[in-house]
Amino acid sequence: MNLTISGHHLEVTPAIREYVQSKLERIKRHFDHVIDIAVILTVEKLPEKEKRQRAEINLHLRGKDLHAESIAEDLYAAIDALIDKLDRQVIKYKTKLQDHQHDAIKHIPEPVVAIVSS
């Protein structure tokens, strides 16, 4: 699994990097077939009172790309909300994969048994 953490208008400190990696363990616990993860952390420079922190993630799985985005006033809160959104998406994707594999058995026609009386 490749993990890329980048910052726009923000220096990615070792503390932020460690926090993101620890939160991503939750995703790996549910679904370990992750190919690539790209995290983008952004500080939006708005007027003085409003500084918004944005966290985005692109998760590349086999056959699917998941994207989540979160905005908050605190970067750690944005990361927490982002991981919550991504966790729900991964669980939904995993459930669809499992359901799809079991659907094939349901569509097999049952043999017809004829009872002939003499």
PDB file of N, CA and C in Angstrom:
ATOM      1  N   MET A   1       0.841  -1.172   0.000  1.00  0.00           N
ATOM      2  CA  MET A   1       0.000   0.000   0.000  1.00  0.00           C
ATOM      3  C   MET A   1       0.884   1.232   0.000  1.00  0.00           C
ATOM      4  N   ASN A   2       0.618   2.138  -0.914  1.00  0.00           N
ATOM      5  CA  ASN A   2       1.348   3.394  -0.994  1.00  0.00           C
ATOM      6  C   ASN A   2       0.539   4.481  -0.309  1.00  0.00           C
ATOM      7  N   LEU A   3       1.193   5.227   0.572  1.00  0.00           N
ATOM      8  CA  LEU A   3       0.535   6.318   1.291  1.00  0.00           C
ATOM      9  C   LEU A   3       1.256   7.605   0.965  1.00  0.00           C
ATOM     10  N   THR A   4       0.506   8.585   0.451  1.00  0.00           N
ATOM     11  CA  THR A   4       1.055   9.896   0.138  1.00  0.00           C
ATOM     12  C   THR A   4       0.266  10.935   0.926  1.00  0.00           C
ATOM     13  N   ILE A   5       0.981  11.712   1.740  1.00  0.00           N
ATOM     14  CA  ILE A   5       0.346  12.790   2.504  1.00  0.00           C
ATOM     15  C   ILE A   5       0.993  14.088   2.052  1.00  0.00           C
ATOM     16  N   SER A   6       0.178  14.992   1.521  1.00  0.00           N
ATOM     17  CA  SER A   6       0.712  16.265   1.062  1.00  0.00           C
ATOM     18  C   SER A   6      -0.087  17.406   1.669  1.00  0.00           C
ATOM     19  N   GLY A   7       0.530  18.573   1.741  1.00  0.00           N
ATOM     20  CA  GLY A   7      -0.123  19.741   2.305  1.00  0.00           C
ATOM     21  C   GLY A   7      -0.086  20.912   1.346  1.00  0.00           C
ATOM     22  N   HIS A   8      -1.167  21.640   1.273  1.00  0.00           N
ATOM     23  CA  HIS A   8      -1.249  22.863   0.487  1.00  0.00           C
ATOM     24  C   HIS A   8      -1.372  24.019   1.469  1.00  0.00           C
ATOM     25  N   HIS A   9      -0.449  24.962   1.383  1.00  0.00           N
ATOM     26  CA  HIS A   9      -0.371  26.087   2.318  1.00  0.00           C
ATOM     27  C   HIS A   9      -0.178  25.577   3.744  1.00  0.00           C
ATOM     28  N   LEU A  10       0.490  24.435   3.870  1.00  0.00           N
ATOM     29  CA  LEU A  10       0.641  23.786   5.162  1.00  0.00           C
ATOM     30  C   LEU A  10       1.857  22.867   5.111  1.00  0.00           C
ATOM     31  N   GLU A  11       2.646  22.901   6.154  1.00  0.00           N
ATOM     32  CA  GLU A  11       3.756  21.964   6.263  1.00  0.00           C
ATOM     33  C   GLU A  11       3.265  20.739   7.024  1.00  0.00           C
ATOM     34  N   VAL A  12       3.476  19.576   6.431  1.00  0.00           N
ATOM     35  CA  VAL A  12       3.033  18.339   7.066  1.00  0.00           C
ATOM     36  C   VAL A  12       4.091  17.929   8.093  1.00  0.00           C
ATOM     37  N   THR A  13       3.760  18.116   9.356  1.00  0.00           N
ATOM     38  CA  THR A  13       4.685  17.801  10.440  1.00  0.00           C
ATOM     39  C   THR A  13       4.644  16.303  10.737  1.00  0.00           C
ATOM     40  N   PRO A  14       5.657  15.784  11.412  1.00  0.00           N
ATOM     41  CA  PRO A  14       5.624  14.361  11.785  1.00  0.00           C
ATOM     42  C   PRO A  14       4.420  14.013  12.664  1.00  0.00           C
ATOM     43  N   ALA A  15       3.966  14.961  13.495  1.00  0.00           N
ATOM     44  CA  ALA A  15       2.798  14.705  14.347  1.00  0.00           C
ATOM     45  C   ALA A  15       1.537  14.524  13.503  1.00  0.00           C
ATOM     46  N   ILE A  16       1.356  15.372  12.492  1.00  0.00           N
ATOM     47  CA  ILE A  16       0.186  15.257  11.620  1.00  0.00           C
ATOM     48  C   ILE A  16       0.266  13.961  10.821  1.00  0.00           C
ATOM     49  N   ARG A  17       1.457  13.647  10.314  1.00  0.00           N
ATOM     50  CA  ARG A  17       1.650  12.415   9.544  1.00  0.00           C
ATOM     51  C   ARG A  17       1.316  11.178  10.395  1.00  0.00           C
ATOM     52  N   GLU A  18       1.789  11.170  11.632  1.00  0.00           N
ATOM     53  CA  GLU A  18       1.524  10.045  12.532  1.00  0.00           C
ATOM     54  C   GLU A  18       0.030   9.938  12.857  1.00  0.00           C
ATOM     55  N   TYR A  19      -0.630  11.095  13.038  1.00  0.00           N
ATOM     56  CA  TYR A  19      -2.061  11.107  13.342  1.00  0.00           C
ATOM     57  C   TYR A  19      -2.868  10.518  12.184  1.00  0.00           C
ATOM     58  N   VAL A  20      -2.530  10.918  10.959  1.00  0.00           N
ATOM     59  CA  VAL A  20      -3.237  10.397   9.784  1.00  0.00           C
ATOM     60  C   VAL A  20      -2.997   8.893   9.651  1.00  0.00           C
ATOM     61  N   GLN A  21      -1.759   8.458   9.848  1.00  0.00           N
ATOM     62  CA  GLN A  21      -1.458   7.031   9.738  1.00  0.00           C
ATOM     63  C   GLN A  21      -2.192   6.215  10.801  1.00  0.00           C
ATOM     64  N   SER A  22      -2.273   6.746  12.013  1.00  0.00           N
ATOM     65  CA  SER A  22      -2.982   6.013  13.067  1.00  0.00           C
ATOM     66  C   SER A  22      -4.477   5.923  12.765  1.00  0.00           C
ATOM     67  N   LYS A  23      -5.051   6.975  12.196  1.00  0.00           N
ATOM     68  CA  LYS A  23      -6.469   6.948  11.839  1.00  0.00           C
ATOM     69  C   LYS A  23      -6.736   6.003  10.668  1.00  0.00           C
ATOM     70  N   LEU A  24      -5.787   5.886   9.744  1.00  0.00           N
ATOM     71  CA  LEU A  24      -5.971   4.999   8.598  1.00  0.00           C
ATOM     72  C   LEU A  24      -5.896   3.526   8.985  1.00  0.00           C
ATOM     73  N   GLU A  25      -5.389   3.230  10.165  1.00  0.00           N
ATOM     74  CA  GLU A  25      -5.387   1.846  10.648  1.00  0.00           C
ATOM     75  C   GLU A  25      -6.811   1.314  10.764  1.00  0.00           C
ATOM     76  N   ARG A  26      -7.749   2.200  11.065  1.00  0.00           N
ATOM     77  CA  ARG A  26      -9.157   1.812  11.169  1.00  0.00           C
ATOM     78  C   ARG A  26      -9.683   1.319   9.819  1.00  0.00           C
ATOM     79  N   ILE A  27      -9.267   1.978   8.740  1.00  0.00           N
ATOM     80  CA  ILE A  27      -9.681   1.567   7.398  1.00  0.00           C
ATOM     81  C   ILE A  27      -9.057   0.220   7.049  1.00  0.00           C
ATOM     82  N   LYS A  28      -7.781   0.068   7.372  1.00  0.00           N
ATOM     83  CA  LYS A  28      -7.085  -1.189   7.066  1.00  0.00           C
ATOM     84  C   LYS A  28      -7.670  -2.355   7.855  1.00  0.00           C
ATOM     85  N   ARG A  29      -8.198  -2.072   9.035  1.00  0.00           N
ATOM     86  CA  ARG A  29      -8.792  -3.128   9.852  1.00  0.00           C
ATOM     87  C   ARG A  29     -10.040  -3.696   9.174  1.00  0.00           C
ATOM     88  N   HIS A  30     -10.808  -2.838   8.500  1.00  0.00           N
ATOM     89  CA  HIS A  30     -12.022  -3.295   7.816  1.00  0.00           C
ATOM     90  C   HIS A  30     -11.709  -3.952   6.471  1.00  0.00           C
ATOM     91  N   PHE A  31     -10.742  -3.387   5.764  1.00  0.00           N
ATOM     92  CA  PHE A  31     -10.517  -3.809   4.385  1.00  0.00           C
ATOM     93  C   PHE A  31      -9.039  -3.634   4.080  1.00  0.00           C
ATOM     94  N   ASP A  32      -8.329  -4.726   3.878  1.00  0.00           N
ATOM     95  CA  ASP A  32      -6.883  -4.632   3.706  1.00  0.00           C
ATOM     96  C   ASP A  32      -6.417  -4.721   2.255  1.00  0.00           C
ATOM     97  N   HIS A  33      -7.315  -4.673   1.293  1.00  0.00           N
ATOM     98  CA  HIS A  33      -6.943  -4.738  -0.116  1.00  0.00           C
ATOM     99  C   HIS A  33      -6.806  -3.341  -0.719  1.00  0.00           C
ATOM    100  N   VAL A  34      -6.170  -2.441   0.005  1.00  0.00           N
ATOM    101  CA  VAL A  34      -5.984  -1.064  -0.447  1.00  0.00           C
ATOM    102  C   VAL A  34      -4.701  -0.997  -1.270  1.00  0.00           C
ATOM    103  N   ILE A  35      -4.772  -0.400  -2.451  1.00  0.00           N
ATOM    104  CA  ILE A  35      -3.609  -0.291  -3.322  1.00  0.00           C
ATOM    105  C   ILE A  35      -2.859   1.013  -3.061  1.00  0.00           C
ATOM    106  N   ASP A  36      -3.593   2.128  -3.022  1.00  0.00           N
ATOM    107  CA  ASP A  36      -2.953   3.430  -2.940  1.00  0.00           C
ATOM    108  C   ASP A  36      -3.842   4.397  -2.161  1.00  0.00           C
ATOM    109  N   ILE A  37      -3.218   5.239  -1.328  1.00  0.00           N
ATOM    110  CA  ILE A  37      -3.947   6.262  -0.576  1.00  0.00           C
ATOM    111  C   ILE A  37      -3.240   7.592  -0.796  1.00  0.00           C
ATOM    112  N   ALA A  38      -3.993   8.612  -1.165  1.00  0.00           N
ATOM    113  CA  ALA A  38      -3.454   9.967  -1.310  1.00  0.00           C
ATOM    114  C   ALA A  38      -4.261  10.900  -0.413  1.00  0.00           C
ATOM    115  N   VAL A  39      -3.591  11.520   0.547  1.00  0.00           N
ATOM    116  CA  VAL A  39      -4.237  12.447   1.484  1.00  0.00           C
ATOM    117  C   VAL A  39      -3.725  13.853   1.174  1.00  0.00           C
ATOM    118  N   ILE A  40      -4.639  14.808   1.051  1.00  0.00           N
ATOM    119  CA  ILE A  40      -4.283  16.196   0.809  1.00  0.00           C
ATOM    120  C   ILE A  40      -4.866  17.031   1.936  1.00  0.00           C
ATOM    121  N   LEU A  41      -4.006  17.718   2.658  1.00  0.00           N
ATOM    122  CA  LEU A  41      -4.420  18.589   3.757  1.00  0.00           C
ATOM    123  C   LEU A  41      -4.208  20.029   3.302  1.00  0.00           C
ATOM    124  N   THR A  42      -5.236  20.861   3.454  1.00  0.00           N
ATOM    125  CA  THR A  42      -5.189  22.218   2.948  1.00  0.00           C
ATOM    126  C   THR A  42      -5.660  23.201   4.010  1.00  0.00           C
ATOM    127  N   VAL A  43      -4.976  24.338   4.076  1.00  0.00           N
ATOM    128  CA  VAL A  43      -5.438  25.456   4.888  1.00  0.00           C
ATOM    129  C   VAL A  43      -5.910  26.518   3.907  1.00  0.00           C
ATOM    130  N   GLU A  44      -7.182  26.854   3.972  1.00  0.00           N
ATOM    131  CA  GLU A  44      -7.740  27.867   3.082  1.00  0.00           C
ATOM    132  C   GLU A  44      -7.598  29.218   3.749  1.00  0.00           C
ATOM    133  N   LYS A  45      -6.887  30.094   3.084  1.00  0.00           N
ATOM    134  CA  LYS A  45      -6.627  31.427   3.625  1.00  0.00           C
ATOM    135  C   LYS A  45      -7.811  32.338   3.291  1.00  0.00           C
ATOM    136  N   LEU A  46      -8.704  32.463   4.226  1.00  0.00           N
ATOM    137  CA  LEU A  46      -9.861  33.339   4.090  1.00  0.00           C
ATOM    138  C   LEU A  46      -9.642  34.554   4.987  1.00  0.00           C
ATOM    139  N   PRO A  47     -10.613  35.440   5.122  1.00  0.00           N
ATOM    140  CA  PRO A  47     -10.431  36.559   6.052  1.00  0.00           C
ATOM    141  C   PRO A  47     -10.001  36.083   7.439  1.00  0.00           C
ATOM    142  N   GLU A  48      -9.403  36.958   8.204  1.00  0.00           N
ATOM    143  CA  GLU A  48      -8.718  36.613   9.450  1.00  0.00           C
ATOM    144  C   GLU A  48      -9.508  35.712  10.394  1.00  0.00           C
ATOM    145  N   LYS A  49     -10.777  35.985  10.587  1.00  0.00           N
ATOM    146  CA  LYS A  49     -11.550  35.200  11.550  1.00  0.00           C
ATOM    147  C   LYS A  49     -11.851  33.796  11.035  1.00  0.00           C
ATOM    148  N   GLU A  50     -11.926  33.641   9.719  1.00  0.00           N
ATOM    149  CA  GLU A  50     -12.313  32.345   9.155  1.00  0.00           C
ATOM    150  C   GLU A  50     -11.122  31.696   8.469  1.00  0.00           C
ATOM    151  N   LYS A  51     -10.530  30.747   9.132  1.00  0.00           N
ATOM    152  CA  LYS A  51      -9.516  29.920   8.489  1.00  0.00           C
ATOM    153  C   LYS A  51     -10.053  28.500   8.502  1.00  0.00           C
ATOM    154  N   ARG A  52     -10.325  27.996   7.323  1.00  0.00           N
ATOM    155  CA  ARG A  52     -10.890  26.652   7.231  1.00  0.00           C
ATOM    156  C   ARG A  52      -9.799  25.651   6.896  1.00  0.00           C
ATOM    157  N   GLN A  53      -9.896  24.497   7.508  1.00  0.00           N
ATOM    158  CA  GLN A  53      -8.962  23.400   7.270  1.00  0.00           C
ATOM    159  C   GLN A  53      -9.712  22.346   6.452  1.00  0.00           C
ATOM    160  N   ARG A  54      -9.101  21.909   5.383  1.00  0.00           N
ATOM    161  CA  ARG A  54      -9.733  20.919   4.509  1.00  0.00           C
ATOM    162  C   ARG A  54      -8.859  19.676   4.445  1.00  0.00           C
ATOM    163  N   ALA A  55      -9.489  18.528   4.511  1.00  0.00           N
ATOM    164  CA  ALA A  55      -8.795  17.252   4.369  1.00  0.00           C
ATOM    165  C   ALA A  55      -9.516  16.453   3.285  1.00  0.00           C
ATOM    166  N   GLU A  56      -8.745  15.956   2.328  1.00  0.00           N
ATOM    167  CA  GLU A  56      -9.287  15.148   1.240  1.00  0.00           C
ATOM    168  C   GLU A  56      -8.509  13.847   1.174  1.00  0.00           C
ATOM    169  N   ILE A  57      -9.177  12.815   0.714  1.00  0.00           N
ATOM    170  CA  ILE A  57      -8.501  11.530   0.554  1.00  0.00           C
ATOM    171  C   ILE A  57      -9.024  10.832  -0.687  1.00  0.00           C
ATOM    172  N   ASN A  58      -8.106  10.227  -1.416  1.00  0.00           N
ATOM    173  CA  ASN A  58      -8.438   9.370  -2.550  1.00  0.00           C
ATOM    174  C   ASN A  58      -7.897   7.994  -2.226  1.00  0.00           C
ATOM    175  N   LEU A  59      -8.779   7.024  -2.227  1.00  0.00           N
ATOM    176  CA  LEU A  59      -8.415   5.656  -1.874  1.00  0.00           C
ATOM    177  C   LEU A  59      -8.620   4.791  -3.105  1.00  0.00           C
ATOM    178  N   HIS A  60      -7.565   4.152  -3.564  1.00  0.00           N
ATOM    179  CA  HIS A  60      -7.634   3.312  -4.757  1.00  0.00           C
ATOM    180  C   HIS A  60      -7.695   1.854  -4.332  1.00  0.00           C
ATOM    181  N   LEU A  61      -8.811   1.213  -4.634  1.00  0.00           N
ATOM    182  CA  LEU A  61      -9.016  -0.200  -4.353  1.00  0.00           C
ATOM    183  C   LEU A  61      -9.056  -0.942  -5.683  1.00  0.00           C
ATOM    184  N   ARG A  62      -9.051  -2.245  -5.623  1.00  0.00           N
ATOM    185  CA  ARG A  62      -9.160  -3.014  -6.855  1.00  0.00           C
ATOM    186  C   ARG A  62     -10.562  -2.840  -7.431  1.00  0.00           C
ATOM    187  N   GLY A  63     -10.647  -2.173  -8.570  1.00  0.00           N
ATOM    188  CA  GLY A  63     -11.923  -1.987  -9.234  1.00  0.00           C
ATOM    189  C   GLY A  63     -12.723  -0.780  -8.778  1.00  0.00           C
ATOM    190  N   LYS A  64     -12.196   0.027  -7.881  1.00  0.00           N
ATOM    191  CA  LYS A  64     -12.978   1.153  -7.355  1.00  0.00           C
ATOM    192  C   LYS A  64     -12.047   2.217  -6.801  1.00  0.00           C
ATOM    193  N   ASP A  65     -12.419   3.468  -6.988  1.00  0.00           N
ATOM    194  CA  ASP A  65     -11.737   4.594  -6.352  1.00  0.00           C
ATOM    195  C   ASP A  65     -12.731   5.287  -5.438  1.00  0.00           C
ATOM    196  N   LEU A  66     -12.338   5.514  -4.191  1.00  0.00           N
ATOM    197  CA  LEU A  66     -13.197   6.200  -3.233  1.00  0.00           C
ATOM    198  C   LEU A  66     -12.610   7.571  -2.939  1.00  0.00           C
ATOM    199  N   HIS A  67     -13.476   8.562  -2.814  1.00  0.00           N
ATOM    200  CA  HIS A  67     -13.042   9.924  -2.511  1.00  0.00           C
ATOM    201  C   HIS A  67     -13.890  10.471  -1.365  1.00  0.00           C
ATOM    202  N   ALA A  68     -13.229  11.124  -0.428  1.00  0.00           N
ATOM    203  CA  ALA A  68     -13.948  11.769   0.672  1.00  0.00           C
ATOM    204  C   ALA A  68     -13.281  13.106   0.945  1.00  0.00           C
ATOM    205  N   GLU A  69     -14.075  14.044   1.453  1.00  0.00           N
ATOM    206  CA  GLU A  69     -13.586  15.393   1.719  1.00  0.00           C
ATOM    207  C   GLU A  69     -14.275  15.918   2.971  1.00  0.00           C
ATOM    208  N   SER A  70     -13.520  16.660   3.767  1.00  0.00           N
ATOM    209  CA  SER A  70     -14.074  17.189   5.001  1.00  0.00           C
ATOM    210  C   SER A  70     -13.491  18.572   5.265  1.00  0.00           C
ATOM    211  N   ILE A  71     -14.315  19.465   5.798  1.00  0.00           N
ATOM    212  CA  ILE A  71     -13.882  20.826   6.123  1.00  0.00           C
ATOM    213  C   ILE A  71     -14.259  21.110   7.569  1.00  0.00           C
ATOM    214  N   ALA A  72     -13.308  21.668   8.327  1.00  0.00           N
ATOM    215  CA  ALA A  72     -13.559  22.044   9.719  1.00  0.00           C
ATOM    216  C   ALA A  72     -12.630  23.208  10.081  1.00  0.00           C
ATOM    217  N   GLU A  73     -12.844  23.774  11.258  1.00  0.00           N
ATOM    218  CA  GLU A  73     -11.975  24.865  11.699  1.00  0.00           C
ATOM    219  C   GLU A  73     -10.672  24.345  12.283  1.00  0.00           C
ATOM    220  N   ASP A  74     -10.654  23.082  12.708  1.00  0.00           N
ATOM    221  CA  ASP A  74      -9.456  22.459  13.256  1.00  0.00           C
ATOM    222  C   ASP A  74      -9.033  21.337  12.313  1.00  0.00           C
ATOM    223  N   LEU A  75      -7.745  21.223  12.032  1.00  0.00           N
ATOM    224  CA  LEU A  75      -7.262  20.212  11.099  1.00  0.00           C
ATOM    225  C   LEU A  75      -7.510  18.801  11.615  1.00  0.00           C
ATOM    226  N   TYR A  76      -7.328  18.589  12.897  1.00  0.00           N
ATOM    227  CA  TYR A  76      -7.547  17.260  13.469  1.00  0.00           C
ATOM    228  C   TYR A  76      -9.028  16.870  13.408  1.00  0.00           C
ATOM    229  N   ALA A  77      -9.906  17.833  13.601  1.00  0.00           N
ATOM    230  CA  ALA A  77     -11.345  17.563  13.477  1.00  0.00           C
ATOM    231  C   ALA A  77     -11.700  17.227  12.030  1.00  0.00           C
ATOM    232  N   ALA A  78     -11.062  17.913  11.083  1.00  0.00           N
ATOM    233  CA  ALA A  78     -11.302  17.623   9.665  1.00  0.00           C
ATOM    234  C   ALA A  78     -10.831  16.217   9.322  1.00  0.00           C
ATOM    235  N   ILE A  79      -9.686  15.814   9.872  1.00  0.00           N
ATOM    236  CA  ILE A  79      -9.167  14.463   9.619  1.00  0.00           C
ATOM    237  C   ILE A  79     -10.098  13.415  10.224  1.00  0.00           C
ATOM    238  N   ASP A  80     -10.595  13.668  11.442  1.00  0.00           N
ATOM    239  CA  ASP A  80     -11.525  12.722  12.084  1.00  0.00           C
ATOM    240  C   ASP A  80     -12.795  12.543  11.260  1.00  0.00           C
ATOM    241  N   ALA A  81     -13.378  13.660  10.806  1.00  0.00           N
ATOM    242  CA  ALA A  81     -14.597  13.584   9.997  1.00  0.00           C
ATOM    243  C   ALA A  81     -14.321  12.885   8.672  1.00  0.00           C
ATOM    244  N   LEU A  82     -13.165  13.129   8.115  1.00  0.00           N
ATOM    245  CA  LEU A  82     -12.775  12.496   6.856  1.00  0.00           C
ATOM    246  C   LEU A  82     -12.687  10.983   7.007  1.00  0.00           C
ATOM    247  N   ILE A  83     -12.063  10.527   8.057  1.00  0.00           N
ATOM    248  CA  ILE A  83     -11.908   9.084   8.279  1.00  0.00           C
ATOM    249  C   ILE A  83     -13.268   8.438   8.541  1.00  0.00           C
ATOM    250  N   ASP A  84     -14.166   9.150   9.238  1.00  0.00           N
ATOM    251  CA  ASP A  84     -15.518   8.622   9.458  1.00  0.00           C
ATOM    252  C   ASP A  84     -16.247   8.413   8.127  1.00  0.00           C
ATOM    253  N   LYS A  85     -16.163   9.406   7.236  1.00  0.00           N
ATOM    254  CA  LYS A  85     -16.818   9.296   5.937  1.00  0.00           C
ATOM    255  C   LYS A  85     -16.219   8.154   5.119  1.00  0.00           C
ATOM    256  N   LEU A  86     -14.901   8.084   5.121  1.00  0.00           N
ATOM    257  CA  LEU A  86     -14.231   7.051   4.346  1.00  0.00           C
ATOM    258  C   LEU A  86     -14.530   5.662   4.901  1.00  0.00           C
ATOM    259  N   ASP A  87     -14.609   5.551   6.206  1.00  0.00           N
ATOM    260  CA  ASP A  87     -14.912   4.271   6.841  1.00  0.00           C
ATOM    261  C   ASP A  87     -16.286   3.764   6.401  1.00  0.00           C
ATOM    262  N   ARG A  88     -17.268   4.647   6.365  1.00  0.00           N
ATOM    263  CA  ARG A  88     -18.608   4.248   5.906  1.00  0.00           C
ATOM    264  C   ARG A  88     -18.569   3.794   4.449  1.00  0.00           C
ATOM    265  N   GLN A  89     -17.803   4.498   3.605  1.00  0.00           N
ATOM    266  CA  GLN A  89     -17.719   4.123   2.193  1.00  0.00           C
ATOM    267  C   GLN A  89     -17.052   2.761   2.019  1.00  0.00           C
ATOM    268  N   VAL A  90     -15.991   2.514   2.786  1.00  0.00           N
ATOM    269  CA  VAL A  90     -15.273   1.237   2.678  1.00  0.00           C
ATOM    270  C   VAL A  90     -16.158   0.085   3.138  1.00  0.00           C
ATOM    271  N   ILE A  91     -16.892   0.279   4.225  1.00  0.00           N
ATOM    272  CA  ILE A  91     -17.791  -0.772   4.714  1.00  0.00           C
ATOM    273  C   ILE A  91     -18.884  -1.058   3.684  1.00  0.00           C
ATOM    274  N   LYS A  92     -19.422  -0.009   3.059  1.00  0.00           N
ATOM    275  CA  LYS A  92     -20.451  -0.184   2.037  1.00  0.00           C
ATOM    276  C   LYS A  92     -19.887  -0.936   0.830  1.00  0.00           C
ATOM    277  N   TYR A  93     -18.683  -0.583   0.417  1.00  0.00           N
ATOM    278  CA  TYR A  93     -18.043  -1.258  -0.714  1.00  0.00           C
ATOM    279  C   TYR A  93     -17.781  -2.729  -0.396  1.00  0.00           C
ATOM    280  N   LYS A  94     -17.294  -2.980   0.805  1.00  0.00           N
ATOM    281  CA  LYS A  94     -16.993  -4.356   1.214  1.00  0.00           C
ATOM    282  C   LYS A  94     -18.271  -5.192   1.271  1.00  0.00           C
ATOM    283  N   THR A  95     -19.361  -4.611   1.767  1.00  0.00           N
ATOM    284  CA  THR A  95     -20.643  -5.309   1.833  1.00  0.00           C
ATOM    285  C   THR A  95     -21.144  -5.638   0.431  1.00  0.00           C
ATOM    286  N   LYS A  96     -21.009  -4.699  -0.495  1.00  0.00           N
ATOM    287  CA  LYS A  96     -21.438  -4.958  -1.874  1.00  0.00           C
ATOM    288  C   LYS A  96     -20.608  -6.069  -2.501  1.00  0.00           C
ATOM    289  N   LEU A  97     -19.321  -6.087  -2.222  1.00  0.00           N
ATOM    290  CA  LEU A  97     -18.470  -7.157  -2.746  1.00  0.00           C
ATOM    291  C   LEU A  97     -18.918  -8.508  -2.223  1.00  0.00           C
ATOM    292  N   GLN A  98     -19.171  -8.592  -0.935  1.00  0.00           N
ATOM    293  CA  GLN A  98     -19.574  -9.863  -0.336  1.00  0.00           C
ATOM    294  C   GLN A  98     -20.946 -10.293  -0.830  1.00  0.00           C
ATOM    295  N   ASP A  99     -21.885  -9.362  -0.955  1.00  0.00           N
ATOM    296  CA  ASP A  99     -23.224  -9.702  -1.437  1.00  0.00           C
ATOM    297  C   ASP A  99     -23.167 -10.168  -2.886  1.00  0.00           C
ATOM    298  N   HIS A 100     -22.334  -9.534  -3.674  1.00  0.00           N
ATOM    299  CA  HIS A 100     -22.231  -9.882  -5.088  1.00  0.00           C
ATOM    300  C   HIS A 100     -21.699 -11.302  -5.259  1.00  0.00           C
ATOM    301  N   GLN A 101     -20.776 -11.698  -4.424  1.00  0.00           N
ATOM    302  CA  GLN A 101     -20.225 -13.032  -4.526  1.00  0.00           C
ATOM    303  C   GLN A 101     -21.257 -14.095  -4.156  1.00  0.00           C
ATOM    304  N   HIS A 102     -22.173 -13.774  -3.268  1.00  0.00           N
ATOM    305  CA  HIS A 102     -23.182 -14.738  -2.852  1.00  0.00           C
ATOM    306  C   HIS A 102     -24.390 -14.759  -3.785  1.00  0.00           C
ATOM    307  N   ASP A 103     -24.596 -13.737  -4.579  1.00  0.00           N
ATOM    308  CA  ASP A 103     -25.737 -13.688  -5.480  1.00  0.00           C
ATOM    309  C   ASP A 103     -25.664 -14.760  -6.553  1.00  0.00           C
ATOM    310  N   ALA A 104     -24.508 -15.150  -6.962  1.00  0.00           N
ATOM    311  CA  ALA A 104     -24.374 -16.123  -8.039  1.00  0.00           C
ATOM    312  C   ALA A 104     -25.014 -17.454  -7.665  1.00  0.00           C
ATOM    313  N   ILE A 105     -24.936 -17.837  -6.418  1.00  0.00           N
ATOM    314  CA  ILE A 105     -25.518 -19.103  -5.984  1.00  0.00           C
ATOM    315  C   ILE A 105     -27.046 -19.059  -6.043  1.00  0.00           C
ATOM    316  N   LYS A 106     -27.620 -17.894  -5.779  1.00  0.00           N
ATOM    317  CA  LYS A 106     -29.080 -17.767  -5.773  1.00  0.00           C
ATOM    318  C   LYS A 106     -29.671 -17.926  -7.171  1.00  0.00           C
ATOM    319  N   HIS A 107     -28.913 -17.608  -8.197  1.00  0.00           N
ATOM    320  CA  HIS A 107     -29.452 -17.628  -9.549  1.00  0.00           C
ATOM    321  C   HIS A 107     -29.314 -18.976 -10.245  1.00  0.00           C
ATOM    322  N   ILE A 108     -28.768 -19.958  -9.580  1.00  0.00           N
ATOM    323  CA  ILE A 108     -28.672 -21.285 -10.166  1.00  0.00           C
ATOM    324  C   ILE A 108     -30.063 -21.919 -10.112  1.00  0.00           C
ATOM    325  N   PRO A 109     -30.587 -22.345 -11.257  1.00  0.00           N
ATOM    326  CA  PRO A 109     -31.932 -22.934 -11.242  1.00  0.00           C
ATOM    327  C   PRO A 109     -31.928 -24.289 -10.542  1.00  0.00           C
ATOM    328  N   GLU A 110     -33.003 -24.536  -9.829  1.00  0.00           N
ATOM    329  CA  GLU A 110     -33.139 -25.805  -9.130  1.00  0.00           C
ATOM    330  C   GLU A 110     -33.595 -26.876 -10.123  1.00  0.00           C
ATOM    331  N   PRO A 111     -33.127 -28.103  -9.956  1.00  0.00           N
ATOM    332  CA  PRO A 111     -33.570 -29.161 -10.880  1.00  0.00           C
ATOM    333  C   PRO A 111     -35.062 -29.465 -10.683  1.00  0.00           C
ATOM    334  N   VAL A 112     -35.729 -29.742 -11.768  1.00  0.00           N
ATOM    335  CA  VAL A 112     -37.155 -30.046 -11.723  1.00  0.00           C
ATOM    336  C   VAL A 112     -37.317 -31.547 -11.506  1.00  0.00           C
ATOM    337  N   VAL A 113     -38.083 -31.899 -10.490  1.00  0.00           N
ATOM    338  CA  VAL A 113     -38.308 -33.304 -10.169  1.00  0.00           C
ATOM    339  C   VAL A 113     -39.760 -33.629 -10.530  1.00  0.00           C
ATOM    340  N   ALA A 114     -39.924 -34.618 -11.407  1.00  0.00           N
ATOM    341  CA  ALA A 114     -41.268 -35.013 -11.819  1.00  0.00           C
ATOM    342  C   ALA A 114     -41.629 -36.331 -11.131  1.00  0.00           C
ATOM    343  N   ILE A 115     -42.806 -36.388 -10.573  1.00  0.00           N
ATOM    344  CA  ILE A 115     -43.275 -37.595  -9.918  1.00  0.00           C
ATOM    345  C   ILE A 115     -44.290 -38.252 -10.843  1.00  0.00           C
ATOM    346  N   VAL A 116     -43.974 -39.465 -11.234  1.00  0.00           N
ATOM    347  CA  VAL A 116     -44.854 -40.186 -12.158  1.00  0.00           C
ATOM    348  C   VAL A 116     -45.507 -41.305 -11.357  1.00  0.00           C
ATOM    349  N   SER A 117     -46.844 -41.336 -11.393  1.00  0.00           N
ATOM    350  CA  SER A 117     -47.559 -42.394 -10.680  1.00  0.00           C
ATOM    351  C   SER A 117     -48.045 -43.446 -11.687  1.00  0.00           C
ATOM    352  N   SER A 118     -47.991 -44.693 -11.296  1.00  0.00           N
ATOM    353  CA  SER A 118     -48.429 -45.730 -12.219  1.00  0.00           C
ATOM    354  C   SER A 118     -49.745 -46.337 -11.843  1.00  0.00           C
TER     355      SER A 118
END
